[in-house]
C-alpha cells in the first residue's frame, strides 16, 4: 500500500523523493522519444517514394480522350439546367456564348 512507501526514517523521505523524481525524468524522456519516433514515422509514410507522385485518385485523362470531347458554346438552356451555371471542373461562372468542353 502507499503507506509503506512513506514509513521509515526521516532520511528515507528525501532519498525516495530523489528516486521518484529521477524515475519521472526517465519516463518523460521515453515519452518524448516515442512521440518523436511516431511523428517521424507519420512524416515518412506521407512522403512518396523516389519517383512516385503525390497525386491521389485516378490518373488524368489522356490527350487523345480530351481531343474527342466536343467543344460547345454555352446557351441559355445550358445555364437553366440545375448546377450548370458554373464549370464542374474549375467552378468558374459560365456565360452565354462561352466555349466549354462537354463532358
N, C-alpha and C. Protein backbone atom coordinates (compact mmCIF):
# COMPACT_ATOMS: atom_id res chain seq x y z
N UNK A 1 0.84 -1.18 0.00
CA UNK A 1 0.00 0.00 0.00
C UNK A 1 0.88 1.23 0.00
N UNK A 2 0.29 2.40 -0.28
CA UNK A 2 1.02 3.65 -0.32
C UNK A 2 1.63 4.04 1.00
N UNK A 3 1.07 3.58 2.10
CA UNK A 3 1.58 3.95 3.42
C UNK A 3 2.98 3.40 3.65
N UNK A 4 3.28 2.23 3.13
CA UNK A 4 4.59 1.61 3.35
C UNK A 4 5.69 2.45 2.71
N UNK A 5 5.41 3.07 1.61
CA UNK A 5 6.42 3.87 0.91
C UNK A 5 6.91 5.04 1.75
N UNK A 6 6.07 5.58 2.58
CA UNK A 6 6.43 6.77 3.33
C UNK A 6 6.88 6.48 4.75
N UNK A 7 6.86 5.21 5.19
CA UNK A 7 7.31 4.87 6.53
C UNK A 7 8.82 4.71 6.54
N UNK A 8 9.41 4.94 7.63
CA UNK A 8 10.85 4.75 7.75
C UNK A 8 11.48 5.98 8.38
N UNK A 9 12.78 6.08 8.26
CA UNK A 9 13.48 7.19 8.90
C UNK A 9 13.25 8.48 8.13
N UNK A 10 13.57 9.59 8.72
CA UNK A 10 13.42 10.89 8.08
C UNK A 10 14.34 11.00 6.87
N UNK A 11 15.48 10.31 6.89
CA UNK A 11 16.42 10.36 5.79
C UNK A 11 15.89 9.64 4.55
N UNK A 12 14.98 8.67 4.74
CA UNK A 12 14.44 7.92 3.60
C UNK A 12 13.54 8.79 2.74
N UNK A 13 12.89 9.81 3.31
CA UNK A 13 11.99 10.69 2.56
C UNK A 13 12.68 11.39 1.41
N UNK A 14 13.78 12.14 1.65
CA UNK A 14 14.46 12.82 0.56
C UNK A 14 15.05 11.85 -0.48
N UNK A 15 15.54 10.72 -0.03
CA UNK A 15 16.09 9.74 -0.96
C UNK A 15 15.00 9.19 -1.87
N UNK A 16 13.85 8.92 -1.26
CA UNK A 16 12.72 8.42 -2.05
C UNK A 16 12.26 9.49 -3.04
N UNK A 17 12.19 10.74 -2.59
CA UNK A 17 11.76 11.83 -3.47
C UNK A 17 12.72 11.99 -4.64
N UNK A 18 14.01 11.85 -4.37
CA UNK A 18 15.01 11.97 -5.44
C UNK A 18 14.87 10.82 -6.44
N UNK A 19 14.67 9.60 -5.92
CA UNK A 19 14.47 8.44 -6.79
C UNK A 19 13.22 8.61 -7.64
N UNK A 20 12.15 9.06 -7.01
CA UNK A 20 10.89 9.26 -7.73
C UNK A 20 11.06 10.33 -8.81
N UNK A 21 11.74 11.41 -8.50
CA UNK A 21 11.99 12.48 -9.46
C UNK A 21 12.81 11.95 -10.65
N UNK A 22 13.80 11.13 -10.35
CA UNK A 22 14.64 10.54 -11.40
C UNK A 22 13.80 9.62 -12.29
N UNK A 23 12.92 8.83 -11.69
CA UNK A 23 12.06 7.93 -12.46
C UNK A 23 11.12 8.71 -13.36
N UNK A 24 10.56 9.81 -12.85
CA UNK A 24 9.69 10.66 -13.67
C UNK A 24 10.46 11.27 -14.84
N UNK A 25 11.69 11.68 -14.60
CA UNK A 25 12.52 12.26 -15.66
C UNK A 25 12.79 11.22 -16.76
N UNK A 26 13.06 9.99 -16.36
CA UNK A 26 13.29 8.91 -17.33
C UNK A 26 12.02 8.65 -18.13
N UNK A 27 10.88 8.59 -17.42
CA UNK A 27 9.61 8.35 -18.11
C UNK A 27 9.30 9.46 -19.10
N UNK A 28 9.57 10.71 -18.74
CA UNK A 28 9.33 11.84 -19.63
C UNK A 28 10.25 11.76 -20.86
N UNK A 29 11.49 11.37 -20.65
CA UNK A 29 12.43 11.22 -21.76
C UNK A 29 11.95 10.13 -22.73
N UNK A 30 11.49 9.02 -22.18
CA UNK A 30 10.99 7.92 -23.03
C UNK A 30 9.75 8.38 -23.78
N UNK A 31 8.84 9.09 -23.11
CA UNK A 31 7.62 9.58 -23.75
C UNK A 31 7.97 10.52 -24.90
N UNK A 32 8.91 11.43 -24.68
CA UNK A 32 9.33 12.37 -25.73
C UNK A 32 9.94 11.63 -26.92
N UNK A 33 10.76 10.62 -26.64
CA UNK A 33 11.38 9.84 -27.71
C UNK A 33 10.33 9.08 -28.52
N UNK A 34 9.32 8.52 -27.85
CA UNK A 34 8.25 7.80 -28.56
C UNK A 34 7.44 8.75 -29.43
N UNK A 35 7.14 9.93 -28.92
CA UNK A 35 6.39 10.90 -29.71
C UNK A 35 7.20 11.31 -30.94
N UNK A 36 8.48 11.57 -30.76
CA UNK A 36 9.34 11.95 -31.89
C UNK A 36 9.39 10.83 -32.92
N UNK A 37 9.47 9.59 -32.47
CA UNK A 37 9.51 8.45 -33.39
C UNK A 37 8.20 8.32 -34.16
N UNK A 38 7.07 8.55 -33.47
CA UNK A 38 5.76 8.47 -34.14
C UNK A 38 5.63 9.57 -35.18
N UNK A 39 6.07 10.78 -34.85
CA UNK A 39 5.99 11.88 -35.81
C UNK A 39 6.86 11.61 -37.03
N UNK A 40 8.06 11.10 -36.80
CA UNK A 40 8.96 10.79 -37.91
C UNK A 40 8.37 9.69 -38.79
N UNK A 41 7.76 8.70 -38.18
CA UNK A 41 7.14 7.61 -38.93
C UNK A 41 5.98 8.13 -39.77
N UNK A 42 5.14 8.97 -39.18
CA UNK A 42 4.00 9.52 -39.91
C UNK A 42 4.47 10.39 -41.06
N UNK A 43 5.54 11.15 -40.86
CA UNK A 43 6.08 12.01 -41.91
C UNK A 43 6.62 11.16 -43.05
N UNK A 44 7.31 10.07 -42.74
CA UNK A 44 7.88 9.20 -43.77
C UNK A 44 6.79 8.49 -44.55
N UNK A 45 5.68 8.13 -43.88
CA UNK A 45 4.59 7.45 -44.57
C UNK A 45 3.90 8.38 -45.55
N UNK A 46 3.86 9.69 -45.26
CA UNK A 46 3.17 10.62 -46.14
C UNK A 46 4.01 11.03 -47.33
N UNK A 47 5.31 10.78 -47.30
CA UNK A 47 6.17 11.14 -48.41
C UNK A 47 6.20 10.02 -49.45
N UNK A 48 6.06 10.37 -50.72
CA UNK A 48 6.11 9.32 -51.74
C UNK A 48 7.54 8.81 -51.91
N UNK A 49 7.64 7.57 -52.35
CA UNK A 49 8.96 7.00 -52.63
C UNK A 49 9.55 7.74 -53.83
N UNK A 50 10.83 7.63 -54.01
CA UNK A 50 11.51 8.32 -55.09
C UNK A 50 10.85 8.01 -56.43
N UNK A 51 10.52 9.05 -57.18
CA UNK A 51 9.91 8.89 -58.49
C UNK A 51 8.41 8.73 -58.47
N UNK A 52 7.79 8.63 -57.30
CA UNK A 52 6.34 8.48 -57.21
C UNK A 52 5.68 9.85 -57.11
N UNK A 53 4.44 9.92 -57.54
CA UNK A 53 3.68 11.17 -57.50
C UNK A 53 2.90 11.26 -56.19
N UNK A 54 2.64 12.48 -55.73
CA UNK A 54 1.81 12.70 -54.54
C UNK A 54 0.33 12.69 -54.91
N UNK A 55 0.00 12.64 -56.19
CA UNK A 55 -1.39 12.72 -56.63
C UNK A 55 -2.19 11.55 -56.08
N UNK A 56 -3.40 11.86 -55.66
CA UNK A 56 -4.31 10.85 -55.16
C UNK A 56 -5.48 10.76 -56.13
N UNK A 57 -5.97 9.58 -56.38
CA UNK A 57 -7.11 9.40 -57.26
C UNK A 57 -6.69 8.80 -58.59
N UNK A 58 -7.64 8.78 -59.50
CA UNK A 58 -7.35 8.16 -60.81
C UNK A 58 -6.38 9.01 -61.62
N UNK A 59 -5.72 8.40 -62.59
CA UNK A 59 -4.78 9.16 -63.44
C UNK A 59 -5.55 10.16 -64.30
N UNK A 60 -4.88 11.21 -64.77
CA UNK A 60 -5.56 12.18 -65.61
C UNK A 60 -5.98 11.56 -66.95
N UNK A 61 -6.96 12.19 -67.57
CA UNK A 61 -7.44 11.73 -68.87
C UNK A 61 -6.36 11.96 -69.93
N UNK A 62 -6.26 11.05 -70.86
CA UNK A 62 -5.25 11.16 -71.92
C UNK A 62 -5.59 12.32 -72.85
N UNK A 63 -4.57 12.82 -73.56
CA UNK A 63 -4.77 13.89 -74.54
C UNK A 63 -5.72 13.43 -75.65
N UNK A 64 -5.61 12.17 -76.05
CA UNK A 64 -6.47 11.64 -77.11
C UNK A 64 -7.94 11.68 -76.69
N UNK A 65 -8.22 11.32 -75.47
CA UNK A 65 -9.60 11.35 -74.97
C UNK A 65 -10.10 12.78 -74.88
N UNK A 66 -9.25 13.70 -74.40
CA UNK A 66 -9.64 15.11 -74.31
C UNK A 66 -9.95 15.68 -75.69
N UNK A 67 -9.18 15.27 -76.69
CA UNK A 67 -9.38 15.78 -78.05
C UNK A 67 -10.72 15.33 -78.63
N UNK A 68 -11.27 14.22 -78.12
CA UNK A 68 -12.54 13.70 -78.61
C UNK A 68 -13.75 14.41 -78.00
N UNK A 69 -13.55 15.16 -76.94
CA UNK A 69 -14.68 15.84 -76.29
C UNK A 69 -15.14 17.00 -77.16
N UNK A 70 -16.45 17.16 -77.32
CA UNK A 70 -16.95 18.25 -78.18
C UNK A 70 -16.82 19.62 -77.49
N UNK A 71 -16.46 20.62 -78.27
CA UNK A 71 -16.43 22.00 -77.79
C UNK A 71 -17.78 22.61 -78.13
N UNK A 72 -18.45 23.14 -77.14
CA UNK A 72 -19.78 23.72 -77.34
C UNK A 72 -19.79 25.17 -76.89
N UNK A 73 -20.75 25.90 -77.39
CA UNK A 73 -20.97 27.28 -76.97
C UNK A 73 -22.12 27.25 -75.96
N UNK A 74 -21.91 27.87 -74.81
CA UNK A 74 -22.92 27.86 -73.74
C UNK A 74 -24.15 28.63 -74.19
N UNK A 75 -25.31 28.00 -73.96
CA UNK A 75 -26.59 28.62 -74.34
C UNK A 75 -27.42 28.92 -73.09
N UNK A 76 -28.52 29.62 -73.30
CA UNK A 76 -29.46 29.90 -72.20
C UNK A 76 -29.95 28.58 -71.61
N UNK A 77 -30.26 27.62 -72.47
CA UNK A 77 -30.74 26.32 -71.99
C UNK A 77 -29.71 25.63 -71.10
N UNK A 78 -28.42 25.74 -71.47
CA UNK A 78 -27.36 25.14 -70.64
C UNK A 78 -27.37 25.76 -69.24
N UNK A 79 -27.48 27.07 -69.19
CA UNK A 79 -27.43 27.77 -67.90
C UNK A 79 -28.67 27.51 -67.05
N UNK A 80 -29.79 27.17 -67.68
CA UNK A 80 -31.04 26.93 -66.96
C UNK A 80 -31.04 25.58 -66.23
N UNK A 81 -30.20 24.66 -66.66
CA UNK A 81 -30.14 23.34 -66.01
C UNK A 81 -29.55 23.48 -64.61
N UNK A 82 -30.09 22.72 -63.66
CA UNK A 82 -29.60 22.76 -62.28
C UNK A 82 -28.10 22.49 -62.21
N UNK A 83 -27.37 23.35 -61.50
CA UNK A 83 -25.94 23.15 -61.28
C UNK A 83 -25.09 23.37 -62.50
N UNK A 84 -25.64 23.94 -63.56
CA UNK A 84 -24.89 24.11 -64.80
C UNK A 84 -24.49 25.56 -65.03
N UNK A 85 -24.61 26.40 -64.00
CA UNK A 85 -24.25 27.81 -64.18
C UNK A 85 -22.75 28.04 -63.99
N UNK A 86 -22.03 27.00 -63.56
CA UNK A 86 -20.57 27.12 -63.41
C UNK A 86 -19.91 25.84 -63.90
N UNK A 87 -18.65 25.96 -64.23
CA UNK A 87 -17.87 24.82 -64.72
C UNK A 87 -17.74 23.78 -63.61
N UNK A 88 -17.96 22.52 -63.93
CA UNK A 88 -17.87 21.46 -62.91
C UNK A 88 -16.43 21.13 -62.54
N UNK A 89 -15.47 21.63 -63.31
CA UNK A 89 -14.06 21.38 -63.03
C UNK A 89 -13.44 22.53 -62.24
N UNK A 90 -13.52 23.74 -62.79
CA UNK A 90 -12.85 24.88 -62.15
C UNK A 90 -13.80 25.76 -61.35
N UNK A 91 -15.11 25.53 -61.48
CA UNK A 91 -16.16 26.24 -60.75
C UNK A 91 -16.32 27.71 -61.17
N UNK A 92 -15.71 28.10 -62.30
CA UNK A 92 -15.91 29.46 -62.82
C UNK A 92 -17.33 29.59 -63.34
N UNK A 93 -17.93 30.77 -63.13
CA UNK A 93 -19.26 31.03 -63.66
C UNK A 93 -19.21 31.01 -65.18
N UNK A 94 -20.25 30.42 -65.78
CA UNK A 94 -20.34 30.36 -67.24
C UNK A 94 -21.31 31.42 -67.73
N UNK A 95 -21.08 31.93 -68.92
CA UNK A 95 -21.97 32.94 -69.52
C UNK A 95 -22.37 32.48 -70.92
N UNK A 96 -23.45 33.01 -71.38
CA UNK A 96 -23.93 32.69 -72.72
C UNK A 96 -22.84 33.04 -73.72
N UNK A 97 -22.54 32.10 -74.61
CA UNK A 97 -21.51 32.31 -75.64
C UNK A 97 -20.13 31.78 -75.25
N UNK A 98 -19.91 31.50 -73.97
CA UNK A 98 -18.62 30.92 -73.56
C UNK A 98 -18.44 29.57 -74.23
N UNK A 99 -17.19 29.23 -74.55
CA UNK A 99 -16.90 27.90 -75.09
C UNK A 99 -16.50 26.98 -73.94
N UNK A 100 -16.94 25.72 -74.03
CA UNK A 100 -16.63 24.74 -73.00
C UNK A 100 -16.56 23.37 -73.62
N UNK A 101 -15.83 22.48 -72.95
CA UNK A 101 -15.82 21.08 -73.37
C UNK A 101 -17.01 20.40 -72.71
N UNK A 102 -17.79 19.68 -73.50
CA UNK A 102 -18.91 18.96 -72.95
C UNK A 102 -18.43 17.61 -72.44
N UNK A 103 -18.63 17.35 -71.18
CA UNK A 103 -18.17 16.09 -70.58
C UNK A 103 -19.24 15.03 -70.69
